[in-house]
Amino acid sequence: MSAPLDAEGPAAPPRSNGELVFAEPWEGRAFGMAVTLYEAGAFTWPRFQAALIARIAAWEAAPAGGEHWNYYRHWLGALEDVLADGGTVLAEEITARGRTLARRPTGHDHPDDHDHSH
């Protein structure tokens, strides 16, 4: 089974020459998590698409001041929505984990091997 990704429309992921485009490593991981959880039966794809479209529409209606457009922020938010709505994880758990990750030092998520602990 594979996720039925839209090629066009508001839920279509960014592409270049037909290939998916990820500007940051976390974007590819967020994409992979959603597809893997869909394939595992955690939610239906139409439910995820509706959550993604709703996230994008809300941002377009009232973009947060100073926040730049990022498709995968909406993708990740939609994933959080369907997982919380389905009872897979609690919204509070998502918030707590997000805060923990946000406190990590800049550059924590990188491929360089050097002398500091993570």
PDB file of N, CA and C in Angstrom:
ATOM      1  N   MET A   1       0.852  -1.174   0.000  1.00  0.00           N
ATOM      2  CA  MET A   1       0.000   0.000   0.000  1.00  0.00           C
ATOM      3  C   MET A   1       0.896   1.234   0.000  1.00  0.00           C
ATOM      4  N   SER A   2       0.482   2.252  -0.688  1.00  0.00           N
ATOM      5  CA  SER A   2       1.220   3.509  -0.711  1.00  0.00           C
ATOM      6  C   SER A   2       0.217   4.654  -0.614  1.00  0.00           C
ATOM      7  N   ALA A   3       0.645   5.743  -0.028  1.00  0.00           N
ATOM      8  CA  ALA A   3      -0.242   6.891   0.135  1.00  0.00           C
ATOM      9  C   ALA A   3      -0.598   7.481  -1.223  1.00  0.00           C
ATOM     10  N   PRO A   4      -1.873   7.744  -1.450  1.00  0.00           N
ATOM     11  CA  PRO A   4      -2.310   8.332  -2.721  1.00  0.00           C
ATOM     12  C   PRO A   4      -2.088   9.843  -2.724  1.00  0.00           C
ATOM     13  N   LEU A   5      -0.862  10.266  -2.970  1.00  0.00           N
ATOM     14  CA  LEU A   5      -0.516  11.688  -2.938  1.00  0.00           C
ATOM     15  C   LEU A   5      -1.146  12.439  -4.092  1.00  0.00           C
ATOM     16  N   ASP A   6      -1.649  13.619  -3.786  1.00  0.00           N
ATOM     17  CA  ASP A   6      -2.180  14.491  -4.830  1.00  0.00           C
ATOM     18  C   ASP A   6      -1.025  15.041  -5.652  1.00  0.00           C
ATOM     19  N   ALA A   7      -1.206  15.125  -6.964  1.00  0.00           N
ATOM     20  CA  ALA A   7      -0.199  15.730  -7.827  1.00  0.00           C
ATOM     21  C   ALA A   7      -0.462  17.218  -7.991  1.00  0.00           C
ATOM     22  N   GLU A   8      -1.720  17.609  -7.787  1.00  0.00           N
ATOM     23  CA  GLU A   8      -2.113  19.011  -7.902  1.00  0.00           C
ATOM     24  C   GLU A   8      -3.102  19.336  -6.803  1.00  0.00           C
ATOM     25  N   GLY A   9      -3.323  20.618  -6.583  1.00  0.00           N
ATOM     26  CA  GLY A   9      -4.301  21.039  -5.588  1.00  0.00           C
ATOM     27  C   GLY A   9      -3.645  21.420  -4.279  1.00  0.00           C
ATOM     28  N   PRO A  10      -4.460  21.856  -3.312  1.00  0.00           N
ATOM     29  CA  PRO A  10      -3.909  22.386  -2.063  1.00  0.00           C
ATOM     30  C   PRO A  10      -3.152  21.364  -1.221  1.00  0.00           C
ATOM     31  N   ALA A  11      -3.449  20.087  -1.361  1.00  0.00           N
ATOM     32  CA  ALA A  11      -2.779  19.074  -0.548  1.00  0.00           C
ATOM     33  C   ALA A  11      -1.556  18.479  -1.236  1.00  0.00           C
ATOM     34  N   ALA A  12      -1.263  18.902  -2.453  1.00  0.00           N
ATOM     35  CA  ALA A  12      -0.136  18.330  -3.197  1.00  0.00           C
ATOM     36  C   ALA A  12       1.197  18.777  -2.612  1.00  0.00           C
ATOM     37  N   PRO A  13       2.082  17.817  -2.319  1.00  0.00           N
ATOM     38  CA  PRO A  13       3.393  18.192  -1.775  1.00  0.00           C
ATOM     39  C   PRO A  13       4.263  18.887  -2.822  1.00  0.00           C
ATOM     40  N   PRO A  14       5.229  19.695  -2.363  1.00  0.00           N
ATOM     41  CA  PRO A  14       6.130  20.378  -3.301  1.00  0.00           C
ATOM     42  C   PRO A  14       6.925  19.363  -4.132  1.00  0.00           C
ATOM     43  N   ARG A  15       7.065  19.680  -5.403  1.00  0.00           N
ATOM     44  CA  ARG A  15       7.811  18.810  -6.317  1.00  0.00           C
ATOM     45  C   ARG A  15       8.693  19.653  -7.231  1.00  0.00           C
ATOM     46  N   SER A  16       9.747  19.016  -7.706  1.00  0.00           N
ATOM     47  CA  SER A  16      10.604  19.592  -8.732  1.00  0.00           C
ATOM     48  C   SER A  16      10.882  18.484  -9.735  1.00  0.00           C
ATOM     49  N   ASN A  17      10.514  18.715 -10.978  1.00  0.00           N
ATOM     50  CA  ASN A  17      10.647  17.693 -12.024  1.00  0.00           C
ATOM     51  C   ASN A  17       9.997  16.380 -11.614  1.00  0.00           C
ATOM     52  N   GLY A  18       8.858  16.474 -10.921  1.00  0.00           N
ATOM     53  CA  GLY A  18       8.102  15.297 -10.525  1.00  0.00           C
ATOM     54  C   GLY A  18       8.559  14.637  -9.238  1.00  0.00           C
ATOM     55  N   GLU A  19       9.705  15.058  -8.708  1.00  0.00           N
ATOM     56  CA  GLU A  19      10.247  14.478  -7.481  1.00  0.00           C
ATOM     57  C   GLU A  19       9.847  15.316  -6.270  1.00  0.00           C
ATOM     58  N   LEU A  20       9.564  14.641  -5.152  1.00  0.00           N
ATOM     59  CA  LEU A  20       9.260  15.364  -3.923  1.00  0.00           C
ATOM     60  C   LEU A  20      10.461  16.196  -3.496  1.00  0.00           C
ATOM     61  N   VAL A  21      10.185  17.367  -2.932  1.00  0.00           N
ATOM     62  CA  VAL A  21      11.239  18.286  -2.505  1.00  0.00           C
ATOM     63  C   VAL A  21      11.135  18.494  -0.995  1.00  0.00           C
ATOM     64  N   PHE A  22      12.270  18.290  -0.308  1.00  0.00           N
ATOM     65  CA  PHE A  22      12.359  18.526   1.127  1.00  0.00           C
ATOM     66  C   PHE A  22      13.515  19.490   1.365  1.00  0.00           C
ATOM     67  N   ALA A  23      13.209  20.656   1.939  1.00  0.00           N
ATOM     68  CA  ALA A  23      14.242  21.668   2.174  1.00  0.00           C
ATOM     69  C   ALA A  23      15.078  21.350   3.405  1.00  0.00           C
ATOM     70  N   GLU A  24      14.510  20.631   4.355  1.00  0.00           N
ATOM     71  CA  GLU A  24      15.186  20.308   5.611  1.00  0.00           C
ATOM     72  C   GLU A  24      14.975  18.830   5.916  1.00  0.00           C
ATOM     73  N   PRO A  25      15.896  18.210   6.642  1.00  0.00           N
ATOM     74  CA  PRO A  25      15.732  16.782   6.978  1.00  0.00           C
ATOM     75  C   PRO A  25      14.427  16.472   7.707  1.00  0.00           C
ATOM     76  N   TRP A  26      13.982  17.364   8.593  1.00  0.00           N
ATOM     77  CA  TRP A  26      12.755  17.086   9.349  1.00  0.00           C
ATOM     78  C   TRP A  26      11.550  16.974   8.430  1.00  0.00           C
ATOM     79  N   GLU A  27      11.568  17.679   7.293  1.00  0.00           N
ATOM     80  CA  GLU A  27      10.431  17.624   6.381  1.00  0.00           C
ATOM     81  C   GLU A  27      10.276  16.219   5.798  1.00  0.00           C
ATOM     82  N   GLY A  28      11.370  15.620   5.399  1.00  0.00           N
ATOM     83  CA  GLY A  28      11.324  14.256   4.880  1.00  0.00           C
ATOM     84  C   GLY A  28      10.881  13.260   5.938  1.00  0.00           C
ATOM     85  N   ARG A  29      11.319  13.489   7.178  1.00  0.00           N
ATOM     86  CA  ARG A  29      10.906  12.600   8.269  1.00  0.00           C
ATOM     87  C   ARG A  29       9.418  12.757   8.571  1.00  0.00           C
ATOM     88  N   ALA A  30       8.915  14.003   8.558  1.00  0.00           N
ATOM     89  CA  ALA A  30       7.484  14.237   8.785  1.00  0.00           C
ATOM     90  C   ALA A  30       6.663  13.567   7.683  1.00  0.00           C
ATOM     91  N   PHE A  31       7.127  13.694   6.457  1.00  0.00           N
ATOM     92  CA  PHE A  31       6.464  13.049   5.330  1.00  0.00           C
ATOM     93  C   PHE A  31       6.430  11.536   5.532  1.00  0.00           C
ATOM     94  N   GLY A  32       7.585  10.968   5.858  1.00  0.00           N
ATOM     95  CA  GLY A  32       7.687   9.520   6.048  1.00  0.00           C
ATOM     96  C   GLY A  32       6.833   9.018   7.197  1.00  0.00           C
ATOM     97  N   MET A  33       6.777   9.779   8.292  1.00  0.00           N
ATOM     98  CA  MET A  33       5.939   9.371   9.422  1.00  0.00           C
ATOM     99  C   MET A  33       4.475   9.291   9.007  1.00  0.00           C
ATOM    100  N   ALA A  34       3.996  10.301   8.286  1.00  0.00           N
ATOM    101  CA  ALA A  34       2.593  10.315   7.883  1.00  0.00           C
ATOM    102  C   ALA A  34       2.284   9.139   6.963  1.00  0.00           C
ATOM    103  N   VAL A  35       3.124   8.906   5.981  1.00  0.00           N
ATOM    104  CA  VAL A  35       2.885   7.806   5.047  1.00  0.00           C
ATOM    105  C   VAL A  35       2.935   6.466   5.782  1.00  0.00           C
ATOM    106  N   THR A  36       3.925   6.291   6.644  1.00  0.00           N
ATOM    107  CA  THR A  36       4.063   5.032   7.384  1.00  0.00           C
ATOM    108  C   THR A  36       2.860   4.787   8.295  1.00  0.00           C
ATOM    109  N   LEU A  37       2.415   5.817   9.003  1.00  0.00           N
ATOM    110  CA  LEU A  37       1.255   5.658   9.889  1.00  0.00           C
ATOM    111  C   LEU A  37      -0.023   5.400   9.094  1.00  0.00           C
ATOM    112  N   TYR A  38      -0.155   6.025   7.943  1.00  0.00           N
ATOM    113  CA  TYR A  38      -1.293   5.737   7.065  1.00  0.00           C
ATOM    114  C   TYR A  38      -1.255   4.275   6.634  1.00  0.00           C
ATOM    115  N   GLU A  39      -0.079   3.832   6.180  1.00  0.00           N
ATOM    116  CA  GLU A  39       0.054   2.447   5.729  1.00  0.00           C
ATOM    117  C   GLU A  39      -0.184   1.446   6.852  1.00  0.00           C
ATOM    118  N   ALA A  40       0.075   1.862   8.096  1.00  0.00           N
ATOM    119  CA  ALA A  40      -0.161   0.996   9.257  1.00  0.00           C
ATOM    120  C   ALA A  40      -1.628   1.032   9.695  1.00  0.00           C
ATOM    121  N   GLY A  41      -2.436   1.881   9.055  1.00  0.00           N
ATOM    122  CA  GLY A  41      -3.858   1.939   9.369  1.00  0.00           C
ATOM    123  C   GLY A  41      -4.226   2.880  10.498  1.00  0.00           C
ATOM    124  N   ALA A  42      -3.320   3.804  10.855  1.00  0.00           N
ATOM    125  CA  ALA A  42      -3.606   4.735  11.946  1.00  0.00           C
ATOM    126  C   ALA A  42      -4.689   5.746  11.574  1.00  0.00           C
ATOM    127  N   PHE A  43      -4.859   6.010  10.277  1.00  0.00           N
ATOM    128  CA  PHE A  43      -5.874   6.941   9.796  1.00  0.00           C
ATOM    129  C   PHE A  43      -6.075   6.696   8.314  1.00  0.00           C
ATOM    130  N   THR A  44      -7.161   7.229   7.774  1.00  0.00           N
ATOM    131  CA  THR A  44      -7.402   7.109   6.334  1.00  0.00           C
ATOM    132  C   THR A  44      -6.757   8.291   5.629  1.00  0.00           C
ATOM    133  N   TRP A  45      -6.402   8.099   4.389  1.00  0.00           N
ATOM    134  CA  TRP A  45      -5.776   9.184   3.639  1.00  0.00           C
ATOM    135  C   TRP A  45      -6.737  10.352   3.408  1.00  0.00           C
ATOM    136  N   PRO A  46      -8.016  10.101   3.081  1.00  0.00           N
ATOM    137  CA  PRO A  46      -8.926  11.237   2.937  1.00  0.00           C
ATOM    138  C   PRO A  46      -9.030  12.073   4.226  1.00  0.00           C
ATOM    139  N   ARG A  47      -8.974  11.424   5.370  1.00  0.00           N
ATOM    140  CA  ARG A  47      -9.010  12.161   6.638  1.00  0.00           C
ATOM    141  C   ARG A  47      -7.769  13.035   6.788  1.00  0.00           C
ATOM    142  N   PHE A  48      -6.602  12.490   6.431  1.00  0.00           N
ATOM    143  CA  PHE A  48      -5.369  13.264   6.497  1.00  0.00           C
ATOM    144  C   PHE A  48      -5.412  14.423   5.511  1.00  0.00           C
ATOM    145  N   GLN A  49      -5.848  14.156   4.281  1.00  0.00           N
ATOM    146  CA  GLN A  49      -5.933  15.217   3.271  1.00  0.00           C
ATOM    147  C   GLN A  49      -6.846  16.345   3.733  1.00  0.00           C
ATOM    148  N   ALA A  50      -7.986  15.992   4.334  1.00  0.00           N
ATOM    149  CA  ALA A  50      -8.920  17.017   4.815  1.00  0.00           C
ATOM    150  C   ALA A  50      -8.265  17.859   5.919  1.00  0.00           C
ATOM    151  N   ALA A  51      -7.525  17.216   6.811  1.00  0.00           N
ATOM    152  CA  ALA A  51      -6.834  17.945   7.882  1.00  0.00           C
ATOM    153  C   ALA A  51      -5.761  18.862   7.295  1.00  0.00           C
ATOM    154  N   LEU A  52      -5.043  18.385   6.292  1.00  0.00           N
ATOM    155  CA  LEU A  52      -4.001  19.186   5.652  1.00  0.00           C
ATOM    156  C   LEU A  52      -4.606  20.388   4.928  1.00  0.00           C
ATOM    157  N   ILE A  53      -5.668  20.150   4.191  1.00  0.00           N
ATOM    158  CA  ILE A  53      -6.331  21.241   3.476  1.00  0.00           C
ATOM    159  C   ILE A  53      -6.874  22.268   4.468  1.00  0.00           C
ATOM    160  N   ALA A  54      -7.420  21.806   5.585  1.00  0.00           N
ATOM    161  CA  ALA A  54      -7.938  22.723   6.605  1.00  0.00           C
ATOM    162  C   ALA A  54      -6.813  23.556   7.210  1.00  0.00           C
ATOM    163  N   ARG A  55      -5.666  22.932   7.472  1.00  0.00           N
ATOM    164  CA  ARG A  55      -4.510  23.667   8.015  1.00  0.00           C
ATOM    165  C   ARG A  55      -4.044  24.738   7.031  1.00  0.00           C
ATOM    166  N   ILE A  56      -3.932  24.369   5.766  1.00  0.00           N
ATOM    167  CA  ILE A  56      -3.480  25.314   4.744  1.00  0.00           C
ATOM    168  C   ILE A  56      -4.481  26.455   4.598  1.00  0.00           C
ATOM    169  N   ALA A  57      -5.769  26.137   4.569  1.00  0.00           N
ATOM    170  CA  ALA A  57      -6.807  27.168   4.425  1.00  0.00           C
ATOM    171  C   ALA A  57      -6.796  28.123   5.611  1.00  0.00           C
ATOM    172  N   ALA A  58      -6.608  27.599   6.807  1.00  0.00           N
ATOM    173  CA  ALA A  58      -6.558  28.464   7.997  1.00  0.00           C
ATOM    174  C   ALA A  58      -5.367  29.411   7.923  1.00  0.00           C
ATOM    175  N   TRP A  59      -4.217  28.919   7.464  1.00  0.00           N
ATOM    176  CA  TRP A  59      -3.039  29.766   7.344  1.00  0.00           C
ATOM    177  C   TRP A  59      -3.258  30.837   6.282  1.00  0.00           C
ATOM    178  N   GLU A  60      -3.851  30.435   5.153  1.00  0.00           N
ATOM    179  CA  GLU A  60      -4.101  31.404   4.084  1.00  0.00           C
ATOM    180  C   GLU A  60      -5.095  32.474   4.513  1.00  0.00           C
ATOM    181  N   ALA A  61      -6.071  32.104   5.346  1.00  0.00           N
ATOM    182  CA  ALA A  61      -7.074  33.054   5.809  1.00  0.00           C
ATOM    183  C   ALA A  61      -6.488  34.045   6.811  1.00  0.00           C
ATOM    184  N   ALA A  62      -5.529  33.592   7.596  1.00  0.00           N
ATOM    185  CA  ALA A  62      -4.943  34.461   8.631  1.00  0.00           C
ATOM    186  C   ALA A  62      -3.511  34.020   8.915  1.00  0.00           C
ATOM    187  N   PRO A  63      -2.576  34.336   7.991  1.00  0.00           N
ATOM    188  CA  PRO A  63      -1.190  33.921   8.223  1.00  0.00           C
ATOM    189  C   PRO A  63      -0.625  34.562   9.484  1.00  0.00           C
ATOM    190  N   ALA A  64       0.091  33.757  10.237  1.00  0.00           N
ATOM    191  CA  ALA A  64       0.716  34.263  11.463  1.00  0.00           C
ATOM    192  C   ALA A  64       1.744  35.315  11.088  1.00  0.00           C
ATOM    193  N   GLY A  65       1.761  36.409  11.826  1.00  0.00           N
ATOM    194  CA  GLY A  65       2.696  37.492  11.549  1.00  0.00           C
ATOM    195  C   GLY A  65       4.132  37.015  11.584  1.00  0.00           C
ATOM    196  N   GLY A  66       4.857  37.261  10.515  1.00  0.00           N
ATOM    197  CA  GLY A  66       6.266  36.892  10.454  1.00  0.00           C
ATOM    198  C   GLY A  66       6.533  35.436  10.149  1.00  0.00           C
ATOM    199  N   GLU A  67       5.508  34.604  10.128  1.00  0.00           N
ATOM    200  CA  GLU A  67       5.712  33.180   9.832  1.00  0.00           C
ATOM    201  C   GLU A  67       5.713  32.974   8.323  1.00  0.00           C
ATOM    202  N   HIS A  68       6.768  32.375   7.823  1.00  0.00           N
ATOM    203  CA  HIS A  68       6.871  32.109   6.390  1.00  0.00           C
ATOM    204  C   HIS A  68       6.116  30.836   6.042  1.00  0.00           C
ATOM    205  N   TRP A  69       5.635  30.796   4.818  1.00  0.00           N
ATOM    206  CA  TRP A  69       4.934  29.613   4.326  1.00  0.00           C
ATOM    207  C   TRP A  69       5.875  28.416   4.363  1.00  0.00           C
ATOM    208  N   ASN A  70       5.389  27.305   4.901  1.00  0.00           N
ATOM    209  CA  ASN A  70       6.128  26.051   4.874  1.00  0.00           C
ATOM    210  C   ASN A  70       5.112  24.921   4.795  1.00  0.00           C
ATOM    211  N   TYR A  71       5.056  24.290   3.642  1.00  0.00           N
ATOM    212  CA  TYR A  71       4.096  23.214   3.403  1.00  0.00           C
ATOM    213  C   TYR A  71       4.193  22.136   4.470  1.00  0.00           C
ATOM    214  N   TYR A  72       5.414  21.762   4.818  1.00  0.00           N
ATOM    215  CA  TYR A  72       5.563  20.640   5.742  1.00  0.00           C
ATOM    216  C   TYR A  72       5.236  21.003   7.188  1.00  0.00           C
ATOM    217  N   ARG A  73       5.193  22.259   7.548  1.00  0.00           N
ATOM    218  CA  ARG A  73       4.655  22.639   8.874  1.00  0.00           C
ATOM    219  C   ARG A  73       3.164  22.309   8.918  1.00  0.00           C
ATOM    220  N   HIS A  74       2.476  22.572   7.819  1.00  0.00           N
ATOM    221  CA  HIS A  74       1.053  22.245   7.740  1.00  0.00           C
ATOM    222  C   HIS A  74       0.864  20.729   7.672  1.00  0.00           C
ATOM    223  N   TRP A  75       1.740  20.055   6.965  1.00  0.00           N
ATOM    224  CA  TRP A  75       1.699  18.591   6.868  1.00  0.00           C
ATOM    225  C   TRP A  75       1.835  17.992   8.268  1.00  0.00           C
ATOM    226  N   LEU A  76       2.824  18.458   9.018  1.00  0.00           N
ATOM    227  CA  LEU A  76       3.050  17.952  10.363  1.00  0.00           C
ATOM    228  C   LEU A  76       1.874  18.298  11.279  1.00  0.00           C
ATOM    229  N   GLY A  77       1.338  19.508  11.149  1.00  0.00           N
ATOM    230  CA  GLY A  77       0.168  19.884  11.938  1.00  0.00           C
ATOM    231  C   GLY A  77      -1.030  18.996  11.632  1.00  0.00           C
ATOM    232  N   ALA A  78      -1.228  18.675  10.350  1.00  0.00           N
ATOM    233  CA  ALA A  78      -2.331  17.792   9.960  1.00  0.00           C
ATOM    234  C   ALA A  78      -2.120  16.392  10.540  1.00  0.00           C
ATOM    235  N   LEU A  79      -0.884  15.929  10.538  1.00  0.00           N
ATOM    236  CA  LEU A  79      -0.584  14.627  11.131  1.00  0.00           C
ATOM    237  C   LEU A  79      -0.913  14.643  12.622  1.00  0.00           C
ATOM    238  N   GLU A  80      -0.496  15.700  13.304  1.00  0.00           N
ATOM    239  CA  GLU A  80      -0.824  15.833  14.727  1.00  0.00           C
ATOM    240  C   GLU A  80      -2.338  15.827  14.929  1.00  0.00           C
ATOM    241  N   ASP A  81      -3.060  16.540  14.069  1.00  0.00           N
ATOM    242  CA  ASP A  81      -4.515  16.615  14.195  1.00  0.00           C
ATOM    243  C   ASP A  81      -5.169  15.239  14.076  1.00  0.00           C
ATOM    244  N   VAL A  82      -4.808  14.481  13.036  1.00  0.00           N
ATOM    245  CA  VAL A  82      -5.469  13.183  12.845  1.00  0.00           C
ATOM    246  C   VAL A  82      -5.070  12.183  13.928  1.00  0.00           C
ATOM    247  N   LEU A  83      -3.837  12.260  14.402  1.00  0.00           N
ATOM    248  CA  LEU A  83      -3.415  11.342  15.466  1.00  0.00           C
ATOM    249  C   LEU A  83      -4.101  11.686  16.781  1.00  0.00           C
ATOM    250  N   ALA A  84      -4.234  12.974  17.072  1.00  0.00           N
ATOM    251  CA  ALA A  84      -4.912  13.387  18.308  1.00  0.00           C
ATOM    252  C   ALA A  84      -6.411  13.105  18.214  1.00  0.00           C
ATOM    253  N   ASP A  85      -7.029  13.427  17.069  1.00  0.00           N
ATOM    254  CA  ASP A  85      -8.464  13.201  16.899  1.00  0.00           C
ATOM    255  C   ASP A  85      -8.808  11.716  16.960  1.00  0.00           C
ATOM    256  N   GLY A  86      -7.911  10.877  16.471  1.00  0.00           N
ATOM    257  CA  GLY A  86      -8.146   9.439  16.475  1.00  0.00           C
ATOM    258  C   GLY A  86      -7.774   8.762  17.786  1.00  0.00           C
ATOM    259  N   GLY A  87      -7.225   9.527  18.732  1.00  0.00           N
ATOM    260  CA  GLY A  87      -6.853   8.963  20.020  1.00  0.00           C
ATOM    261  C   GLY A  87      -5.547   8.194  20.007  1.00  0.00           C
ATOM    262  N   THR A  88      -4.794   8.286  18.901  1.00  0.00           N
ATOM    263  CA  THR A  88      -3.507   7.595  18.811  1.00  0.00           C
ATOM    264  C   THR A  88      -2.522   8.192  19.798  1.00  0.00           C
ATOM    265  N   VAL A  89      -2.517   9.502  19.895  1.00  0.00           N
ATOM    266  CA  VAL A  89      -1.715  10.224  20.893  1.00  0.00           C
ATOM    267  C   VAL A  89      -2.582  11.338  21.455  1.00  0.00           C
ATOM    268  N   LEU A  90      -2.256  11.768  22.647  1.00  0.00           N
ATOM    269  CA  LEU A  90      -2.983  12.880  23.252  1.00  0.00           C
ATOM    270  C   LEU A  90      -2.381  14.202  22.788  1.00  0.00           C
ATOM    271  N   ALA A  91      -3.235  15.191  22.596  1.00  0.00           N
ATOM    272  CA  ALA A  91      -2.766  16.515  22.175  1.00  0.00           C
ATOM    273  C   ALA A  91      -1.723  17.050  23.150  1.00  0.00           C
ATOM    274  N   GLU A  92      -1.895  16.767  24.428  1.00  0.00           N
ATOM    275  CA  GLU A  92      -0.939  17.227  25.436  1.00  0.00           C
ATOM    276  C   GLU A  92       0.439  16.588  25.236  1.00  0.00           C
ATOM    277  N   GLU A  93       0.445  15.324  24.808  1.00  0.00           N
ATOM    278  CA  GLU A  93       1.718  14.646  24.540  1.00  0.00           C
ATOM    279  C   GLU A  93       2.432  15.295  23.360  1.00  0.00           C
ATOM    280  N   ILE A  94       1.673  15.667  22.347  1.00  0.00           N
ATOM    281  CA  ILE A  94       2.259  16.319  21.178  1.00  0.00           C
ATOM    282  C   ILE A  94       2.862  17.655  21.593  1.00  0.00           C
ATOM    283  N   THR A  95       2.118  18.428  22.375  1.00  0.00           N
ATOM    284  CA  THR A  95       2.589  19.739  22.827  1.00  0.00           C
ATOM    285  C   THR A  95       3.844  19.604  23.676  1.00  0.00           C
ATOM    286  N   ALA A  96       3.836  18.663  24.612  1.00  0.00           N
ATOM    287  CA  ALA A  96       4.997  18.470  25.489  1.00  0.00           C
ATOM    288  C   ALA A  96       6.218  18.039  24.689  1.00  0.00           C
ATOM    289  N   ARG A  97       6.052  17.136  23.751  1.00  0.00           N
ATOM    290  CA  ARG A  97       7.175  16.674  22.936  1.00  0.00           C
ATOM    291  C   ARG A  97       7.694  17.807  22.058  1.00  0.00           C
ATOM    292  N   GLY A  98       6.786  18.610  21.499  1.00  0.00           N
ATOM    293  CA  GLY A  98       7.195  19.755  20.691  1.00  0.00           C
ATOM    294  C   GLY A  98       8.019  20.747  21.489  1.00  0.00           C
ATOM    295  N   ARG A  99       7.606  21.001  22.709  1.00  0.00           N
ATOM    296  CA  ARG A  99       8.378  21.918  23.565  1.00  0.00           C
ATOM    297  C   ARG A  99       9.762  21.358  23.859  1.00  0.00           C
ATOM    298  N   THR A 100       9.837  20.065  24.135  1.00  0.00           N
ATOM    299  CA  THR A 100      11.135  19.428  24.397  1.00  0.00           C
ATOM    300  C   THR A 100      12.055  19.562  23.191  1.00  0.00           C
ATOM    301  N   LEU A 101      11.527  19.282  22.012  1.00  0.00           N
ATOM    302  CA  LEU A 101      12.342  19.370  20.803  1.00  0.00           C
ATOM    303  C   LEU A 101      12.741  20.811  20.505  1.00  0.00           C
ATOM    304  N   ALA A 102      11.858  21.761  20.789  1.00  0.00           N
ATOM    305  CA  ALA A 102      12.161  23.170  20.527  1.00  0.00           C
ATOM    306  C   ALA A 102      13.283  23.684  21.419  1.00  0.00           C
ATOM    307  N   ARG A 103      13.479  23.069  22.564  1.00  0.00           N
ATOM    308  CA  ARG A 103      14.534  23.510  23.475  1.00  0.00           C
ATOM    309  C   ARG A 103      15.915  22.965  23.097  1.00  0.00           C
ATOM    310  N   ARG A 104      15.959  22.059  22.142  1.00  0.00           N
ATOM    311  CA  ARG A 104      17.258  21.532  21.719  1.00  0.00           C
ATOM    312  C   ARG A 104      18.078  22.646  21.082  1.00  0.00           C
ATOM    313  N   PRO A 105      19.396  22.578  21.206  1.00  0.00           N
ATOM    314  CA  PRO A 105      20.231  23.638  20.636  1.00  0.00           C
ATOM    315  C   PRO A 105      20.154  23.672  19.108  1.00  0.00           C
ATOM    316  N   THR A 106      20.347  24.868  18.578  1.00  0.00           N
ATOM    317  CA  THR A 106      20.386  25.033  17.130  1.00  0.00           C
ATOM    318  C   THR A 106      21.492  24.155  16.568  1.00  0.00           C
ATOM    319  N   GLY A 107      21.205  23.497  15.461  1.00  0.00           N
ATOM    320  CA  GLY A 107      22.196  22.632  14.836  1.00  0.00           C
ATOM    321  C   GLY A 107      22.236  21.239  15.413  1.00  0.00           C
ATOM    322  N   HIS A 108      21.345  20.938  16.353  1.00  0.00           N
ATOM    323  CA  HIS A 108      21.343  19.601  16.960  1.00  0.00           C
ATOM    324  C   HIS A 108      21.098  18.528  15.910  1.00  0.00           C
ATOM    325  N   ASP A 109      20.221  18.818  14.992  1.00  0.00           N
ATOM    326  CA  ASP A 109      19.829  17.845  13.975  1.00  0.00           C
ATOM    327  C   ASP A 109      20.669  18.053  12.715  1.00  0.00           C
ATOM    328  N   HIS A 110      21.864  17.495  12.726  1.00  0.00           N
ATOM    329  CA  HIS A 110      22.770  17.669  11.588  1.00  0.00           C
ATOM    330  C   HIS A 110      23.646  16.436  11.429  1.00  0.00           C
ATOM    331  N   PRO A 111      24.236  16.268  10.248  1.00  0.00           N
ATOM    332  CA  PRO A 111      25.023  15.070   9.978  1.00  0.00           C
ATOM    333  C   PRO A 111      26.484  15.149  10.445  1.00  0.00           C
ATOM    334  N   ASP A 112      26.954  16.329  10.862  1.00  0.00           N
ATOM    335  CA  ASP A 112      28.353  16.478  11.219  1.00  0.00           C
ATOM    336  C   ASP A 112      28.713  15.679  12.470  1.00  0.00           C
ATOM    337  N   ASP A 113      29.886  15.078  12.455  1.00  0.00           N
ATOM    338  CA  ASP A 113      30.366  14.324  13.599  1.00  0.00           C
ATOM    339  C   ASP A 113      31.463  15.155  14.267  1.00  0.00           C
ATOM    340  N   HIS A 114      31.200  15.628  15.474  1.00  0.00           N
ATOM    341  CA  HIS A 114      32.195  16.424  16.183  1.00  0.00           C
ATOM    342  C   HIS A 114      32.026  16.258  17.686  1.00  0.00           C
ATOM    343  N   ASP A 115      32.830  16.962  18.447  1.00  0.00           N
ATOM    344  CA  ASP A 115      32.924  16.753  19.877  1.00  0.00           C
ATOM    345  C   ASP A 115      31.901  17.535  20.687  1.00  0.00           C
ATOM    346  N   HIS A 116      30.701  17.066  20.736  1.00  0.00           N
ATOM    347  CA  HIS A 116      29.739  17.510  21.737  1.00  0.00           C
ATOM    348  C   HIS A 116      28.659  16.454  21.863  1.00  0.00           C
ATOM    349  N   SER A 117      28.074  16.397  23.041  1.00  0.00           N
ATOM    350  CA  SER A 117      27.054  15.380  23.261  1.00  0.00           C
ATOM    351  C   SER A 117      25.707  15.870  22.787  1.00  0.00           C
ATOM    352  N   HIS A 118      24.881  14.945  22.390  1.00  0.00           N
ATOM    353  CA  HIS A 118      23.511  15.265  21.960  1.00  0.00           C
ATOM    354  C   HIS A 118      22.589  14.756  23.004  1.00  0.00           C
TER     355      HIS A 118
END
